[in-house]
Structure formats: structure tokens, C-alpha cells
Amino acid sequence: MGKIPKGLSDKDMLDGYVEEVTMEAQFMAAEAAEDKKRREKIFGTGKNSLSMSGLDDETLEKLGRKLLELKMELFREGIKNYTLKVKREDWDIVITPVVKGQSMKKK
């Protein structure tokens, strides 16, 4: 066994070291890649991306969940062909489902 050189920086000591790839690291990397793909599919990428709106990830996640809840509720009521109308009322942003040109009001 050789002598350990003195006075090396952390970078110099780890120079040439290659970490062994474990199964755990492979699974974690695959999971992270799938999560990234899922987020890109949901929120989009590029200049038309919802993530470009300035909202943080947590807020985007909550918005996505609420929109999914609305979609499921409309489906349960038999409403399949609709669009979402977005408007601003003072400090509020309101998203309303619209069917065949008529806004829907909850009974």
C-alpha cells in the first residue's frame, strides 16, 4: 500500500474516482425521468408552457388536480363536449366550463 499524499484538495483526492452504478441509483434515475416526462406532458414545454406563467410547481400541481376533479365531475354528469372559458374578475381568475355556447351553472 502506497503512501497517502498530503496537502491535496478535495477535488484532487477524488480525481479519477468513478462511483459504481447501483440498482437503486438506476431505479431512482428512471423514476426521475418518468416524473419529468409526466410533468412535461401535463404542463407542456416551450413558449406556450403553463410553467412559463410564473407559478411554482406546487401551485401548478394543485391547479392540475382541481382541473382533473372538474373534468371527472363533468364526465359523471354526462358532459363530454365542453370548453373552458377563462376570464379575470378583479383579482380573481375564473375558469368556467362551456357547453354549446352556454355557460354552466351548478344547481
PDB file of N, CA and C in Angstrom:
ATOM      1  N   MET A   1       0.852  -1.162   0.000  1.00  0.00           N
ATOM      2  CA  MET A   1       0.000   0.000   0.000  1.00  0.00           C
ATOM      3  C   MET A   1       0.901   1.229   0.000  1.00  0.00           C
ATOM      4  N   GLY A   2       0.618   2.168  -0.912  1.00  0.00           N
ATOM      5  CA  GLY A   2       1.442   3.360  -1.034  1.00  0.00           C
ATOM      6  C   GLY A   2       1.096   4.405   0.001  1.00  0.00           C
ATOM      7  N   LYS A   3       1.954   5.399   0.067  1.00  0.00           N
ATOM      8  CA  LYS A   3       1.716   6.498   0.996  1.00  0.00           C
ATOM      9  C   LYS A   3       0.575   7.378   0.487  1.00  0.00           C
ATOM     10  N   ILE A   4      -0.147   7.945   1.426  1.00  0.00           N
ATOM     11  CA  ILE A   4      -1.216   8.872   1.077  1.00  0.00           C
ATOM     12  C   ILE A   4      -0.593  10.255   0.951  1.00  0.00           C
ATOM     13  N   PRO A   5      -0.721  10.889  -0.217  1.00  0.00           N
ATOM     14  CA  PRO A   5      -0.139  12.217  -0.396  1.00  0.00           C
ATOM     15  C   PRO A   5      -0.816  13.237   0.512  1.00  0.00           C
ATOM     16  N   LYS A   6      -0.047  14.168   1.020  1.00  0.00           N
ATOM     17  CA  LYS A   6      -0.566  15.203   1.923  1.00  0.00           C
ATOM     18  C   LYS A   6      -0.847  16.473   1.131  1.00  0.00           C
ATOM     19  N   GLY A   7      -1.734  17.298   1.663  1.00  0.00           N
ATOM     20  CA  GLY A   7      -1.991  18.628   1.120  1.00  0.00           C
ATOM     21  C   GLY A   7      -2.798  18.651  -0.170  1.00  0.00           C
ATOM     22  N   LEU A   8      -3.531  17.592  -0.467  1.00  0.00           N
ATOM     23  CA  LEU A   8      -4.354  17.587  -1.678  1.00  0.00           C
ATOM     24  C   LEU A   8      -5.719  18.212  -1.383  1.00  0.00           C
ATOM     25  N   SER A   9      -6.268  18.876  -2.384  1.00  0.00           N
ATOM     26  CA  SER A   9      -7.619  19.423  -2.230  1.00  0.00           C
ATOM     27  C   SER A   9      -8.619  18.276  -2.396  1.00  0.00           C
ATOM     28  N   ASP A  10      -9.859  18.544  -2.025  1.00  0.00           N
ATOM     29  CA  ASP A  10     -10.903  17.525  -2.171  1.00  0.00           C
ATOM     30  C   ASP A  10     -11.028  17.092  -3.624  1.00  0.00           C
ATOM     31  N   LYS A  11     -10.952  18.047  -4.520  1.00  0.00           N
ATOM     32  CA  LYS A  11     -11.072  17.745  -5.946  1.00  0.00           C
ATOM     33  C   LYS A  11      -9.938  16.823  -6.400  1.00  0.00           C
ATOM     34  N   ASP A  12      -8.726  17.105  -5.940  1.00  0.00           N
ATOM     35  CA  ASP A  12      -7.578  16.280  -6.322  1.00  0.00           C
ATOM     36  C   ASP A  12      -7.674  14.872  -5.739  1.00  0.00           C
ATOM     37  N   MET A  13      -8.195  14.759  -4.508  1.00  0.00           N
ATOM     38  CA  MET A  13      -8.320  13.444  -3.882  1.00  0.00           C
ATOM     39  C   MET A  13      -9.327  12.562  -4.616  1.00  0.00           C
ATOM     40  N   LEU A  14     -10.382  13.178  -5.148  1.00  0.00           N
ATOM     41  CA  LEU A  14     -11.420  12.411  -5.822  1.00  0.00           C
ATOM     42  C   LEU A  14     -11.189  12.313  -7.326  1.00  0.00           C
ATOM     43  N   ASP A  15     -10.097  12.867  -7.809  1.00  0.00           N
ATOM     44  CA  ASP A  15      -9.782  12.817  -9.229  1.00  0.00           C
ATOM     45  C   ASP A  15      -9.607  11.365  -9.671  1.00  0.00           C
ATOM     46  N   GLY A  16     -10.344  10.981 -10.698  1.00  0.00           N
ATOM     47  CA  GLY A  16     -10.245   9.621 -11.209  1.00  0.00           C
ATOM     48  C   GLY A  16     -11.203   8.645 -10.554  1.00  0.00           C
ATOM     49  N   TYR A  17     -11.909   9.055  -9.506  1.00  0.00           N
ATOM     50  CA  TYR A  17     -12.854   8.164  -8.827  1.00  0.00           C
ATOM     51  C   TYR A  17     -14.143   8.082  -9.638  1.00  0.00           C
ATOM     52  N   VAL A  18     -14.617   6.895  -9.883  1.00  0.00           N
ATOM     53  CA  VAL A  18     -15.878   6.679 -10.584  1.00  0.00           C
ATOM     54  C   VAL A  18     -16.780   5.861  -9.670  1.00  0.00           C
ATOM     55  N   GLU A  19     -17.952   6.419  -9.370  1.00  0.00           N
ATOM     56  CA  GLU A  19     -18.891   5.730  -8.491  1.00  0.00           C
ATOM     57  C   GLU A  19     -19.542   4.573  -9.235  1.00  0.00           C
ATOM     58  N   GLU A  20     -19.667   3.448  -8.555  1.00  0.00           N
ATOM     59  CA  GLU A  20     -20.323   2.290  -9.150  1.00  0.00           C
ATOM     60  C   GLU A  20     -21.826   2.550  -9.235  1.00  0.00           C
ATOM     61  N   VAL A  21     -22.416   2.179 -10.358  1.00  0.00           N
ATOM     62  CA  VAL A  21     -23.851   2.351 -10.542  1.00  0.00           C
ATOM     63  C   VAL A  21     -24.564   1.191  -9.855  1.00  0.00           C
ATOM     64  N   THR A  22     -25.457   1.530  -8.930  1.00  0.00           N
ATOM     65  CA  THR A  22     -26.207   0.505  -8.209  1.00  0.00           C
ATOM     66  C   THR A  22     -27.610   0.394  -8.792  1.00  0.00           C
ATOM     67  N   MET A  23     -28.299  -0.663  -8.441  1.00  0.00           N
ATOM     68  CA  MET A  23     -29.682  -0.825  -8.894  1.00  0.00           C
ATOM     69  C   MET A  23     -30.551   0.303  -8.360  1.00  0.00           C
ATOM     70  N   GLU A  24     -30.293   0.695  -7.116  1.00  0.00           N
ATOM     71  CA  GLU A  24     -31.072   1.770  -6.509  1.00  0.00           C
ATOM     72  C   GLU A  24     -30.915   3.061  -7.305  1.00  0.00           C
ATOM     73  N   ALA A  25     -29.687   3.386  -7.687  1.00  0.00           N
ATOM     74  CA  ALA A  25     -29.437   4.602  -8.459  1.00  0.00           C
ATOM     75  C   ALA A  25     -30.121   4.531  -9.821  1.00  0.00           C
ATOM     76  N   GLN A  26     -30.119   3.354 -10.441  1.00  0.00           N
ATOM     77  CA  GLN A  26     -30.780   3.188 -11.737  1.00  0.00           C
ATOM     78  C   GLN A  26     -32.287   3.389 -11.614  1.00  0.00           C
ATOM     79  N   PHE A  27     -32.885   2.803 -10.573  1.00  0.00           N
ATOM     80  CA  PHE A  27     -34.322   2.958 -10.376  1.00  0.00           C
ATOM     81  C   PHE A  27     -34.691   4.410 -10.079  1.00  0.00           C
ATOM     82  N   MET A  28     -33.880   5.076  -9.265  1.00  0.00           N
ATOM     83  CA  MET A  28     -34.161   6.473  -8.938  1.00  0.00           C
ATOM     84  C   MET A  28     -34.044   7.356 -10.177  1.00  0.00           C
ATOM     85  N   ALA A  29     -33.056   7.104 -11.018  1.00  0.00           N
ATOM     86  CA  ALA A  29     -32.887   7.879 -12.250  1.00  0.00           C
ATOM     87  C   ALA A  29     -34.060   7.640 -13.200  1.00  0.00           C
ATOM     88  N   ALA A  30     -34.496   6.394 -13.310  1.00  0.00           N
ATOM     89  CA  ALA A  30     -35.630   6.074 -14.178  1.00  0.00           C
ATOM     90  C   ALA A  30     -36.905   6.735 -13.667  1.00  0.00           C
ATOM     91  N   GLU A  31     -37.091   6.727 -12.347  1.00  0.00           N
ATOM     92  CA  GLU A  31     -38.264   7.352 -11.751  1.00  0.00           C
ATOM     93  C   GLU A  31     -38.252   8.856 -11.988  1.00  0.00           C
ATOM     94  N   ALA A  32     -37.097   9.489 -11.840  1.00  0.00           N
ATOM     95  CA  ALA A  32     -36.979  10.928 -12.078  1.00  0.00           C
ATOM     96  C   ALA A  32     -37.266  11.263 -13.538  1.00  0.00           C
ATOM     97  N   ALA A  33     -36.796  10.434 -14.452  1.00  0.00           N
ATOM     98  CA  ALA A  33     -37.041  10.665 -15.878  1.00  0.00           C
ATOM     99  C   ALA A  33     -38.528  10.539 -16.201  1.00  0.00           C
ATOM    100  N   GLU A  34     -39.194   9.542 -15.625  1.00  0.00           N
ATOM    101  CA  GLU A  34     -40.628   9.361 -15.852  1.00  0.00           C
ATOM    102  C   GLU A  34     -41.417  10.534 -15.282  1.00  0.00           C
ATOM    103  N   ASP A  35     -41.017  11.014 -14.098  1.00  0.00           N
ATOM    104  CA  ASP A  35     -41.689  12.153 -13.491  1.00  0.00           C
ATOM    105  C   ASP A  35     -41.535  13.394 -14.367  1.00  0.00           C
ATOM    106  N   LYS A  36     -40.352  13.587 -14.914  1.00  0.00           N
ATOM    107  CA  LYS A  36     -40.105  14.735 -15.789  1.00  0.00           C
ATOM    108  C   LYS A  36     -40.971  14.649 -17.043  1.00  0.00           C
ATOM    109  N   LYS A  37     -41.060  13.460 -17.647  1.00  0.00           N
ATOM    110  CA  LYS A  37     -41.897  13.271 -18.838  1.00  0.00           C
ATOM    111  C   LYS A  37     -43.361  13.546 -18.515  1.00  0.00           C
ATOM    112  N   ARG A  38     -43.805  13.062 -17.348  1.00  0.00           N
ATOM    113  CA  ARG A  38     -45.201  13.258 -16.947  1.00  0.00           C
ATOM    114  C   ARG A  38     -45.511  14.739 -16.782  1.00  0.00           C
ATOM    115  N   ARG A  39     -44.608  15.465 -16.117  1.00  0.00           N
ATOM    116  CA  ARG A  39     -44.810  16.900 -15.921  1.00  0.00           C
ATOM    117  C   ARG A  39     -44.818  17.655 -17.247  1.00  0.00           C
ATOM    118  N   GLU A  40     -43.906  17.283 -18.167  1.00  0.00           N
ATOM    119  CA  GLU A  40     -43.870  17.938 -19.470  1.00  0.00           C
ATOM    120  C   GLU A  40     -45.156  17.673 -20.245  1.00  0.00           C
ATOM    121  N   LYS A  41     -45.689  16.464 -20.123  1.00  0.00           N
ATOM    122  CA  LYS A  41     -46.925  16.123 -20.816  1.00  0.00           C
ATOM    123  C   LYS A  41     -48.095  16.920 -20.250  1.00  0.00           C
ATOM    124  N   ILE A  42     -48.142  17.060 -18.926  1.00  0.00           N
ATOM    125  CA  ILE A  42     -49.241  17.769 -18.277  1.00  0.00           C
ATOM    126  C   ILE A  42     -49.138  19.272 -18.489  1.00  0.00           C
ATOM    127  N   PHE A  43     -47.973  19.834 -18.204  1.00  0.00           N
ATOM    128  CA  PHE A  43     -47.822  21.281 -18.201  1.00  0.00           C
ATOM    129  C   PHE A  43     -47.237  21.837 -19.482  1.00  0.00           C
ATOM    130  N   GLY A  44     -46.738  20.988 -20.360  1.00  0.00           N
ATOM    131  CA  GLY A  44     -46.200  21.444 -21.630  1.00  0.00           C
ATOM    132  C   GLY A  44     -44.783  21.973 -21.504  1.00  0.00           C
ATOM    133  N   THR A  45     -44.189  22.220 -22.667  1.00  0.00           N
ATOM    134  CA  THR A  45     -42.853  22.793 -22.715  1.00  0.00           C
ATOM    135  C   THR A  45     -42.844  23.869 -23.781  1.00  0.00           C
ATOM    136  N   GLY A  46     -41.852  24.718 -23.742  1.00  0.00           N
ATOM    137  CA  GLY A  46     -41.725  25.759 -24.749  1.00  0.00           C
ATOM    138  C   GLY A  46     -42.441  27.034 -24.361  1.00  0.00           C
ATOM    139  N   LYS A  47     -42.639  27.917 -25.370  1.00  0.00           N
ATOM    140  CA  LYS A  47     -43.182  29.239 -25.074  1.00  0.00           C
ATOM    141  C   LYS A  47     -44.655  29.209 -24.678  1.00  0.00           C
ATOM    142  N   ASN A  48     -45.402  28.174 -25.031  1.00  0.00           N
ATOM    143  CA  ASN A  48     -46.807  28.068 -24.655  1.00  0.00           C
ATOM    144  C   ASN A  48     -47.007  27.248 -23.386  1.00  0.00           C
ATOM    145  N   SER A  49     -45.957  26.999 -22.676  1.00  0.00           N
ATOM    146  CA  SER A  49     -45.997  26.161 -21.489  1.00  0.00           C
ATOM    147  C   SER A  49     -46.701  26.866 -20.337  1.00  0.00           C
ATOM    148  N   LEU A  50     -47.481  26.103 -19.588  1.00  0.00           N
ATOM    149  CA  LEU A  50     -48.129  26.642 -18.397  1.00  0.00           C
ATOM    150  C   LEU A  50     -47.096  27.001 -17.342  1.00  0.00           C
ATOM    151  N   SER A  51     -45.960  26.322 -17.366  1.00  0.00           N
ATOM    152  CA  SER A  51     -44.920  26.626 -16.392  1.00  0.00           C
ATOM    153  C   SER A  51     -44.298  27.995 -16.639  1.00  0.00           C
ATOM    154  N   MET A  52     -44.506  28.569 -17.823  1.00  0.00           N
ATOM    155  CA  MET A  52     -43.991  29.904 -18.125  1.00  0.00           C
ATOM    156  C   MET A  52     -44.844  30.990 -17.471  1.00  0.00           C
ATOM    157  N   SER A  53     -45.941  30.616 -16.823  1.00  0.00           N
ATOM    158  CA  SER A  53     -46.854  31.578 -16.216  1.00  0.00           C
ATOM    159  C   SER A  53     -46.313  32.171 -14.923  1.00  0.00           C
ATOM    160  N   GLY A  54     -45.227  31.640 -14.409  1.00  0.00           N
ATOM    161  CA  GLY A  54     -44.645  32.169 -13.184  1.00  0.00           C
ATOM    162  C   GLY A  54     -45.147  31.473 -11.931  1.00  0.00           C
ATOM    163  N   LEU A  55     -45.913  30.409 -12.085  1.00  0.00           N
ATOM    164  CA  LEU A  55     -46.408  29.665 -10.930  1.00  0.00           C
ATOM    165  C   LEU A  55     -45.380  28.625 -10.512  1.00  0.00           C
ATOM    166  N   ASP A  56     -45.286  28.390  -9.212  1.00  0.00           N
ATOM    167  CA  ASP A  56     -44.344  27.373  -8.742  1.00  0.00           C
ATOM    168  C   ASP A  56     -44.933  25.975  -8.956  1.00  0.00           C
ATOM    169  N   ASP A  57     -44.114  24.962  -8.774  1.00  0.00           N
ATOM    170  CA  ASP A  57     -44.528  23.579  -9.039  1.00  0.00           C
ATOM    171  C   ASP A  57     -45.719  23.153  -8.185  1.00  0.00           C
ATOM    172  N   GLU A  58     -45.738  23.566  -6.925  1.00  0.00           N
ATOM    173  CA  GLU A  58     -46.827  23.175  -6.023  1.00  0.00           C
ATOM    174  C   GLU A  58     -48.159  23.752  -6.497  1.00  0.00           C
ATOM    175  N   THR A  59     -48.150  25.021  -6.920  1.00  0.00           N
ATOM    176  CA  THR A  59     -49.373  25.660  -7.396  1.00  0.00           C
ATOM    177  C   THR A  59     -49.844  25.027  -8.701  1.00  0.00           C
ATOM    178  N   LEU A  60     -48.906  24.716  -9.592  1.00  0.00           N
ATOM    179  CA  LEU A  60     -49.262  24.046 -10.843  1.00  0.00           C
ATOM    180  C   LEU A  60     -49.877  22.677 -10.575  1.00  0.00           C
ATOM    181  N   GLU A  61     -49.332  21.971  -9.594  1.00  0.00           N
ATOM    182  CA  GLU A  61     -49.864  20.649  -9.228  1.00  0.00           C
ATOM    183  C   GLU A  61     -51.294  20.780  -8.703  1.00  0.00           C
ATOM    184  N   LYS A  62     -51.546  21.770  -7.830  1.00  0.00           N
ATOM    185  CA  LYS A  62     -52.891  21.981  -7.286  1.00  0.00           C
ATOM    186  C   LYS A  62     -53.877  22.351  -8.394  1.00  0.00           C
ATOM    187  N   LEU A  63     -53.440  23.227  -9.312  1.00  0.00           N
ATOM    188  CA  LEU A  63     -54.297  23.627 -10.424  1.00  0.00           C
ATOM    189  C   LEU A  63     -54.647  22.420 -11.287  1.00  0.00           C
ATOM    190  N   GLY A  64     -53.661  21.602 -11.570  1.00  0.00           N
ATOM    191  CA  GLY A  64     -53.900  20.400 -12.365  1.00  0.00           C
ATOM    192  C   GLY A  64     -54.878  19.454 -11.696  1.00  0.00           C
ATOM    193  N   ARG A  65     -54.766  19.297 -10.393  1.00  0.00           N
ATOM    194  CA  ARG A  65     -55.681  18.406  -9.659  1.00  0.00           C
ATOM    195  C   ARG A  65     -57.110  18.937  -9.676  1.00  0.00           C
ATOM    196  N   LYS A  66     -57.263  20.251  -9.474  1.00  0.00           N
ATOM    197  CA  LYS A  66     -58.605  20.849  -9.477  1.00  0.00           C
ATOM    198  C   LYS A  66     -59.247  20.733 -10.858  1.00  0.00           C
ATOM    199  N   LEU A  67     -58.457  20.939 -11.921  1.00  0.00           N
ATOM    200  CA  LEU A  67     -58.993  20.791 -13.272  1.00  0.00           C
ATOM    201  C   LEU A  67     -59.382  19.342 -13.551  1.00  0.00           C
ATOM    202  N   LEU A  68     -58.604  18.397 -13.047  1.00  0.00           N
ATOM    203  CA  LEU A  68     -58.938  16.983 -13.210  1.00  0.00           C
ATOM    204  C   LEU A  68     -60.223  16.641 -12.461  1.00  0.00           C
ATOM    205  N   GLU A  69     -60.390  17.188 -11.240  1.00  0.00           N
ATOM    206  CA  GLU A  69     -61.624  16.969 -10.483  1.00  0.00           C
ATOM    207  C   GLU A  69     -62.827  17.495 -11.257  1.00  0.00           C
ATOM    208  N   LEU A  70     -62.686  18.688 -11.856  1.00  0.00           N
ATOM    209  CA  LEU A  70     -63.769  19.273 -12.643  1.00  0.00           C
ATOM    210  C   LEU A  70     -64.093  18.391 -13.844  1.00  0.00           C
ATOM    211  N   LYS A  71     -63.063  17.920 -14.526  1.00  0.00           N
ATOM    212  CA  LYS A  71     -63.253  17.060 -15.695  1.00  0.00           C
ATOM    213  C   LYS A  71     -63.993  15.782 -15.312  1.00  0.00           C
ATOM    214  N   MET A  72     -63.619  15.173 -14.185  1.00  0.00           N
ATOM    215  CA  MET A  72     -64.267  13.937 -13.741  1.00  0.00           C
ATOM    216  C   MET A  72     -65.721  14.194 -13.348  1.00  0.00           C
ATOM    217  N   GLU A  73     -65.988  15.319 -12.686  1.00  0.00           N
ATOM    218  CA  GLU A  73     -67.352  15.648 -12.288  1.00  0.00           C
ATOM    219  C   GLU A  73     -68.234  15.883 -13.521  1.00  0.00           C
ATOM    220  N   LEU A  74     -67.704  16.573 -14.520  1.00  0.00           N
ATOM    221  CA  LEU A  74     -68.463  16.790 -15.751  1.00  0.00           C
ATOM    222  C   LEU A  74     -68.747  15.464 -16.451  1.00  0.00           C
ATOM    223  N   PHE A  75     -67.763  14.573 -16.462  1.00  0.00           N
ATOM    224  CA  PHE A  75     -67.945  13.261 -17.093  1.00  0.00           C
ATOM    225  C   PHE A  75     -69.029  12.460 -16.378  1.00  0.00           C
ATOM    226  N   ARG A  76     -69.039  12.513 -15.036  1.00  0.00           N
ATOM    227  CA  ARG A  76     -70.057  11.798 -14.259  1.00  0.00           C
ATOM    228  C   ARG A  76     -71.463  12.305 -14.581  1.00  0.00           C
ATOM    229  N   GLU A  77     -71.567  13.607 -14.899  1.00  0.00           N
ATOM    230  CA  GLU A  77     -72.865  14.184 -15.241  1.00  0.00           C
ATOM    231  C   GLU A  77     -73.202  13.992 -16.715  1.00  0.00           C
ATOM    232  N   GLY A  78     -72.341  13.301 -17.456  1.00  0.00           N
ATOM    233  CA  GLY A  78     -72.613  13.002 -18.854  1.00  0.00           C
ATOM    234  C   GLY A  78     -72.201  14.095 -19.826  1.00  0.00           C
ATOM    235  N   ILE A  79     -71.443  15.063 -19.365  1.00  0.00           N
ATOM    236  CA  ILE A  79     -70.998  16.167 -20.219  1.00  0.00           C
ATOM    237  C   ILE A  79     -69.605  15.837 -20.729  1.00  0.00           C
ATOM    238  N   LYS A  80     -69.519  15.642 -22.063  1.00  0.00           N
ATOM    239  CA  LYS A  80     -68.236  15.260 -22.642  1.00  0.00           C
ATOM    240  C   LYS A  80     -67.685  16.311 -23.593  1.00  0.00           C
ATOM    241  N   ASN A  81     -68.558  17.068 -24.241  1.00  0.00           N
ATOM    242  CA  ASN A  81     -68.114  18.084 -25.192  1.00  0.00           C
ATOM    243  C   ASN A  81     -68.252  19.466 -24.563  1.00  0.00           C
ATOM    244  N   TYR A  82     -67.147  20.012 -24.128  1.00  0.00           N
ATOM    245  CA  TYR A  82     -67.151  21.322 -23.487  1.00  0.00           C
ATOM    246  C   TYR A  82     -65.803  21.994 -23.719  1.00  0.00           C
ATOM    247  N   THR A  83     -65.781  23.280 -23.482  1.00  0.00           N
ATOM    248  CA  THR A  83     -64.527  24.034 -23.495  1.00  0.00           C
ATOM    249  C   THR A  83     -64.444  24.789 -22.179  1.00  0.00           C
ATOM    250  N   LEU A  84     -63.273  25.265 -21.869  1.00  0.00           N
ATOM    251  CA  LEU A  84     -63.090  26.039 -20.647  1.00  0.00           C
ATOM    252  C   LEU A  84     -62.926  27.511 -21.008  1.00  0.00           C
ATOM    253  N   LYS A  85     -63.766  28.347 -20.422  1.00  0.00           N
ATOM    254  CA  LYS A  85     -63.701  29.790 -20.632  1.00  0.00           C
ATOM    255  C   LYS A  85     -62.933  30.383 -19.450  1.00  0.00           C
ATOM    256  N   VAL A  86     -61.902  31.158 -19.743  1.00  0.00           N
ATOM    257  CA  VAL A  86     -61.074  31.763 -18.700  1.00  0.00           C
ATOM    258  C   VAL A  86     -61.275  33.266 -18.738  1.00  0.00           C
ATOM    259  N   LYS A  87     -61.616  33.844 -17.585  1.00  0.00           N
ATOM    260  CA  LYS A  87     -61.769  35.299 -17.521  1.00  0.00           C
ATOM    261  C   LYS A  87     -61.250  35.808 -16.188  1.00  0.00           C
ATOM    262  N   ARG A  88     -60.956  37.084 -16.177  1.00  0.00           N
ATOM    263  CA  ARG A  88     -60.437  37.720 -14.968  1.00  0.00           C
ATOM    264  C   ARG A  88     -61.497  38.658 -14.414  1.00  0.00           C
ATOM    265  N   GLU A  89     -61.767  38.532 -13.131  1.00  0.00           N
ATOM    266  CA  GLU A  89     -62.697  39.411 -12.426  1.00  0.00           C
ATOM    267  C   GLU A  89     -61.940  40.038 -11.261  1.00  0.00           C
ATOM    268  N   ASP A  90     -61.531  41.283 -11.428  1.00  0.00           N
ATOM    269  CA  ASP A  90     -60.705  41.994 -10.449  1.00  0.00           C
ATOM    270  C   ASP A  90     -59.449  41.182 -10.140  1.00  0.00           C
ATOM    271  N   TRP A  91     -59.340  40.656  -8.914  1.00  0.00           N
ATOM    272  CA  TRP A  91     -58.146  39.903  -8.507  1.00  0.00           C
ATOM    273  C   TRP A  91     -58.299  38.398  -8.696  1.00  0.00           C
ATOM    274  N   ASP A  92     -59.443  37.973  -9.212  1.00  0.00           N
ATOM    275  CA  ASP A  92     -59.713  36.546  -9.370  1.00  0.00           C
ATOM    276  C   ASP A  92     -59.633  36.133 -10.836  1.00  0.00           C
ATOM    277  N   ILE A  93     -59.186  34.922 -11.062  1.00  0.00           N
ATOM    278  CA  ILE A  93     -59.218  34.325 -12.389  1.00  0.00           C
ATOM    279  C   ILE A  93     -60.214  33.175 -12.315  1.00  0.00           C
ATOM    280  N   VAL A  94     -61.236  33.227 -13.178  1.00  0.00           N
ATOM    281  CA  VAL A  94     -62.333  32.271 -13.129  1.00  0.00           C
ATOM    282  C   VAL A  94     -62.286  31.386 -14.373  1.00  0.00           C
ATOM    283  N   ILE A  95     -62.339  30.078 -14.160  1.00  0.00           N
ATOM    284  CA  ILE A  95     -62.372  29.109 -15.251  1.00  0.00           C
ATOM    285  C   ILE A  95     -63.749  28.451 -15.220  1.00  0.00           C
ATOM    286  N   THR A  96     -64.507  28.606 -16.321  1.00  0.00           N
ATOM    287  CA  THR A  96     -65.871  28.109 -16.381  1.00  0.00           C
ATOM    288  C   THR A  96     -66.027  27.147 -17.553  1.00  0.00           C
ATOM    289  N   PRO A  97     -66.601  25.961 -17.334  1.00  0.00           N
ATOM    290  CA  PRO A  97     -66.865  25.062 -18.460  1.00  0.00           C
ATOM    291  C   PRO A  97     -68.039  25.589 -19.286  1.00  0.00           C
ATOM    292  N   VAL A  98     -67.917  25.502 -20.608  1.00  0.00           N
ATOM    293  CA  VAL A  98     -68.957  25.991 -21.511  1.00  0.00           C
ATOM    294  C   VAL A  98     -69.340  24.863 -22.466  1.00  0.00           C
ATOM    295  N   VAL A  99     -70.670  24.611 -22.564  1.00  0.00           N
ATOM    296  CA  VAL A  99     -71.179  23.579 -23.466  1.00  0.00           C
ATOM    297  C   VAL A  99     -72.048  24.248 -24.527  1.00  0.00           C
ATOM    298  N   LYS A 100     -71.722  24.051 -25.795  1.00  0.00           N
ATOM    299  CA  LYS A 100     -72.507  24.558 -26.927  1.00  0.00           C
ATOM    300  C   LYS A 100     -72.875  26.027 -26.764  1.00  0.00           C
ATOM    301  N   GLY A 101     -71.918  26.848 -26.380  1.00  0.00           N
ATOM    302  CA  GLY A 101     -72.135  28.290 -26.299  1.00  0.00           C
ATOM    303  C   GLY A 101     -72.850  28.764 -25.055  1.00  0.00           C
ATOM    304  N   GLN A 102     -73.198  27.878 -24.137  1.00  0.00           N
ATOM    305  CA  GLN A 102     -73.881  28.289 -22.918  1.00  0.00           C
ATOM    306  C   GLN A 102     -73.017  27.968 -21.714  1.00  0.00           C
ATOM    307  N   SER A 103     -72.915  28.930 -20.779  1.00  0.00           N
ATOM    308  CA  SER A 103     -72.146  28.646 -19.570  1.00  0.00           C
ATOM    309  C   SER A 103     -72.975  27.749 -18.662  1.00  0.00           C
ATOM    310  N   MET A 104     -72.299  26.966 -17.873  1.00  0.00           N
ATOM    311  CA  MET A 104     -72.965  26.011 -16.996  1.00  0.00           C
ATOM    312  C   MET A 104     -72.989  26.565 -15.582  1.00  0.00           C
ATOM    313  N   LYS A 105     -74.115  26.481 -14.946  1.00  0.00           N
ATOM    314  CA  LYS A 105     -74.239  26.892 -13.550  1.00  0.00           C
ATOM    315  C   LYS A 105     -74.541  25.667 -12.711  1.00  0.00           C
ATOM    316  N   LYS A 106     -73.839  25.517 -11.619  1.00  0.00           N
ATOM    317  CA  LYS A 106     -74.055  24.392 -10.698  1.00  0.00           C
ATOM    318  C   LYS A 106     -75.404  24.579 -10.018  1.00  0.00           C
ATOM    319  N   LYS A 107     -76.187  23.521  -9.966  1.00  0.00           N
ATOM    320  CA  LYS A 107     -77.521  23.586  -9.343  1.00  0.00           C
ATOM    321  C   LYS A 107     -77.420  23.596  -7.852  1.00  0.00           C
TER     322      LYS A 107
END
